[in-house]
Protein backbone atom coordinates (compact mmCIF):
# COMPACT_ATOMS: atom_id res chain seq x y z
CA MET A 1 -5.36 19.12 35.76
CA LYS A 2 -6.48 22.47 34.07
CA VAL A 3 -5.86 20.78 30.62
CA GLN A 4 -8.24 17.95 31.76
CA LYS A 5 -10.97 20.43 32.84
CA THR A 6 -10.64 22.32 29.71
CA TYR A 7 -10.94 19.18 27.57
CA LEU A 8 -13.86 17.90 29.49
CA ASN A 9 -15.50 21.15 29.37
CA LYS A 10 -15.39 20.88 25.51
CA LEU A 11 -16.86 17.35 25.78
CA TYR A 12 -19.51 18.60 27.96
CA GLU A 13 -20.26 21.53 25.56
CA LYS A 14 -20.68 19.20 22.72
CA ALA A 15 -23.11 17.10 24.74
CA GLU A 16 -25.20 20.34 25.57
CA GLN A 17 -25.12 21.38 21.91
CA VAL A 18 -26.41 17.82 20.79
CA MET A 19 -29.00 17.97 23.59
CA ASP A 20 -30.13 21.57 22.39
CA LEU A 21 -30.53 20.05 18.78
CA TYR A 22 -32.70 17.18 20.23
CA LYS A 23 -34.72 19.69 22.13
CA LYS A 24 -35.41 21.88 19.01
CA PHE A 25 -36.36 18.88 17.13
CA ASP A 26 -38.71 17.66 19.93
CA LYS A 27 -40.38 21.04 20.07
CA ARG A 28 -40.84 21.08 16.39
CA ILE A 29 -42.41 17.68 16.54
CA GLU A 30 -44.70 18.67 19.53
CA LEU A 31 -46.20 21.54 17.41
CA ILE A 32 -47.20 19.18 14.51
CA ARG A 33 -47.84 15.95 16.73
CA PRO A 34 -51.64 16.29 16.47
CA SER A 35 -51.41 16.11 12.59
CA LEU A 36 -48.85 13.13 12.57
CA PRO A 37 -49.83 9.38 12.27
CA ALA A 38 -49.58 7.97 15.76
CA CYS A 39 -47.67 4.90 16.65
CA PRO A 40 -49.80 2.10 18.10
CA TYR A 41 -49.85 2.22 21.83
CA GLY A 42 -46.91 0.11 23.09
CA CYS A 43 -45.59 -0.55 19.69
CA ARG A 44 -41.95 -1.38 19.57
CA ASP A 45 -41.63 -2.53 16.11
CA CYS A 46 -38.98 0.04 14.98
CA CYS A 47 -36.80 -0.97 18.05
CA LEU A 48 -37.25 -4.64 17.32
CA THR A 49 -35.24 -4.07 14.09
CA ASP A 50 -31.85 -5.79 13.92
CA VAL A 51 -29.25 -3.16 15.16
CA GLU A 52 -27.37 -3.59 11.82
CA ASN A 53 -30.18 -1.63 10.37
CA ILE A 54 -30.22 1.22 12.96
CA GLU A 55 -27.15 3.45 12.51
CA ALA A 56 -26.03 6.20 14.88
CA SER A 57 -22.91 8.35 15.24
CA ILE A 58 -20.77 8.55 18.32
CA LEU A 59 -21.92 12.15 18.87
CA GLU A 60 -25.49 11.13 19.01
CA PHE A 61 -24.61 9.30 22.35
CA PHE A 62 -22.78 12.17 23.88
CA PRO A 63 -25.67 13.53 25.99
CA LEU A 64 -26.17 10.03 27.55
CA VAL A 65 -22.38 9.22 27.99
CA ILE A 66 -21.58 12.79 29.52
CA LYS A 67 -24.48 12.40 31.83
CA TRP A 68 -22.79 9.07 33.11
CA HIS A 69 -19.42 10.84 33.31
CA LYS A 70 -20.97 13.45 35.55
CA GLU A 71 -22.60 10.81 37.66
CA ASN A 72 -19.10 8.95 37.97
CA VAL A 73 -20.66 5.73 36.63
CA LEU A 74 -18.99 5.77 33.33
CA VAL A 75 -16.74 2.86 33.85
CA GLN A 76 -19.62 0.96 35.31
CA LYS A 77 -21.78 1.70 32.27
CA TYR A 78 -18.90 0.73 29.99
CA GLU A 79 -18.64 -2.59 31.76
CA GLU A 80 -22.38 -3.17 31.41
CA TYR A 81 -22.55 -2.25 27.76
CA LYS A 82 -19.21 -3.33 26.38
CA ALA A 83 -20.67 -6.51 24.76
CA ALA A 84 -23.47 -4.54 23.47
CA THR A 85 -22.25 -5.26 19.91
CA GLU A 86 -22.98 -8.83 20.26
CA SER A 87 -26.78 -8.22 20.67
CA SER A 88 -28.96 -8.06 17.66
CA LEU A 89 -31.33 -5.63 19.37
CA CYS A 90 -30.80 -2.17 20.96
CA VAL A 91 -29.45 -2.56 24.43
CA PHE A 92 -31.90 0.13 25.61
CA LEU A 93 -35.03 -1.76 24.39
CA GLN A 94 -37.31 -3.07 27.16
CA PRO A 95 -39.41 -5.62 25.35
CA ASP A 96 -41.73 -6.38 28.27
CA HIS A 97 -44.99 -4.35 27.77
CA THR A 98 -45.82 -4.56 31.45
CA LEU A 99 -42.58 -2.68 32.56
CA LEU A 100 -42.84 0.21 29.90
CA PRO A 101 -46.31 -0.05 28.46
CA GLN A 102 -46.07 3.29 26.44
CA GLY A 103 -42.91 2.19 24.69
CA GLY A 104 -39.73 0.44 24.99
CA CYS A 105 -36.84 2.67 25.19
CA THR A 106 -35.23 2.86 28.63
CA ILE A 107 -33.29 6.04 27.63
CA TYR A 108 -36.06 7.93 25.90
CA GLU A 109 -34.95 11.50 26.88
CA PHE A 110 -31.37 10.74 25.76
CA ARG A 111 -32.33 8.67 22.65
CA PRO A 112 -30.12 9.31 19.57
CA LEU A 113 -31.15 11.42 16.68
CA VAL A 114 -31.84 8.49 14.48
CA CYS A 115 -34.45 7.35 16.80
CA ARG A 116 -35.96 10.77 17.08
CA LEU A 117 -36.19 11.22 13.32
CA PHE A 118 -37.86 7.84 12.52
CA GLY A 119 -41.59 8.21 12.35
CA SER A 120 -41.43 12.02 12.57
CA SER A 121 -39.55 13.34 9.79
CA ALA A 122 -38.85 13.09 6.17
CA LEU A 123 -35.72 12.50 3.96
CA LEU A 124 -35.17 14.79 1.10
CA LYS A 125 -34.18 12.68 -2.00
CA LYS A 126 -34.10 14.01 -5.37
CA ARG A 127 -36.47 16.97 -4.42
CA GLN A 128 -38.85 14.46 -3.03
CA LEU A 129 -39.71 14.00 0.50
CA ASP A 130 -39.65 10.33 1.64
CA TYR A 131 -41.39 9.91 5.05
CA LEU A 132 -38.93 7.97 7.43
CA ALA A 133 -41.42 5.52 8.96
CA CYS A 134 -42.63 2.04 9.09
CA LYS A 135 -45.34 0.51 6.99
CA LYS A 136 -47.91 1.08 9.57
CA LEU A 137 -47.33 4.94 9.76
CA LYS A 138 -46.75 5.10 5.99
CA SER A 139 -50.20 3.70 5.30
CA GLN A 140 -51.77 6.63 7.01
CA SER A 141 -52.23 9.68 4.88
CA PHE A 142 -51.24 13.17 5.83
CA ASP A 143 -49.35 16.20 4.58
CA THR A 144 -45.70 15.27 4.57
CA ALA A 145 -44.75 18.86 3.83
CA MET A 146 -45.04 19.71 7.35
CA LEU A 147 -42.41 17.26 8.52
CA PRO A 148 -38.92 18.35 9.61
CA ILE A 149 -36.13 17.33 6.99
CA ALA A 150 -34.10 14.85 8.50
CA ASN A 151 -31.08 15.83 6.38
CA ASP A 152 -31.23 19.27 7.94
CA PHE A 153 -30.96 17.99 11.62
CA ASN A 154 -28.13 15.65 10.57
CA ASP A 155 -26.28 18.57 9.07
CA LYS A 156 -26.61 20.45 12.18
CA LEU A 157 -25.27 17.59 14.06
CA ILE A 158 -22.39 17.28 11.87
CA THR A 159 -21.53 20.97 12.65
CA ILE A 160 -21.13 20.34 16.22
CA ASP A 161 -18.27 17.92 15.60
CA PRO A 162 -17.66 16.49 11.97
CA TYR A 163 -15.29 13.75 13.29
CA LEU A 164 -17.79 12.27 15.71
CA ALA A 165 -20.85 12.82 13.63
CA VAL A 166 -20.21 11.67 10.03
CA LYS A 167 -19.48 8.06 10.47
CA LYS A 168 -22.39 5.86 11.34
CA TYR A 169 -22.30 2.55 13.31
CA PRO A 170 -24.79 0.08 14.35
CA ILE A 171 -26.45 1.69 17.32
CA ASN A 172 -25.06 -0.63 20.07
CA GLU A 173 -21.55 -0.03 18.42
CA ALA A 174 -22.04 3.54 18.40
CA LEU A 175 -22.82 3.55 22.17
CA LYS A 176 -19.64 1.40 22.95
CA LYS A 177 -17.47 3.72 20.83
CA ALA A 178 -19.03 6.89 22.62
CA LEU A 179 -18.21 5.24 25.88
CA GLU A 180 -14.56 4.42 24.74
CA TYR A 181 -13.98 7.96 23.36
CA VAL A 182 -14.93 9.66 26.68
CA LEU A 183 -13.16 7.00 28.75
CA SER A 184 -9.92 7.20 26.90
CA TYR A 185 -9.63 10.76 27.10
CA ASP A 186 -10.59 10.95 30.78
CA TYR A 187 -8.12 8.21 31.48
CA PHE A 188 -5.41 9.98 29.45
CA PHE A 189 -5.96 13.34 31.31
CA ARG A 190 -6.10 11.53 34.67
CA ALA A 191 -2.81 9.78 33.92
CA THR A 192 -0.96 12.83 32.73
CA ALA A 193 -2.23 14.89 35.81
CA SER A 194 -0.77 12.62 38.34
């Protein structure tokens, strides 16, 4: 049982580290938000993109999956989302404007890094900043030099756990793999403890 707690503590620590990274990014964005192009109220265009074009790592879902583990709903959530890879849209998208008028993410606080970066960061390519945003936002002019560099935040994510952070999957598949990862270790340590 001690081994299980030790390993689970390591998973919990990784989730906390990822969440800390998200909070640092969010604080940085809050400082420059008044200068950033704003998404149109209620816009869901980026979330309406096919999931094959929105990639995340397993580690990006750790804060959410560990939250579910703490709440003892991990198996239930796995059953709910295990067919997620069959959907062409993100499973967390609420397309109904009347239910979530400000935006469509049902897990906004726990959304993965890829979702945080889009619309509020730049990618460094060949010493040039490329604003990571949709056409609507790119059409507005502003100083991209103030944007956080997406590469830096992705590198910080990789330092938390390279194995779980380097490989990217379509967003729904990344969620499923994160659920399976935590469930498999939880099951293994429960089985060996009995």
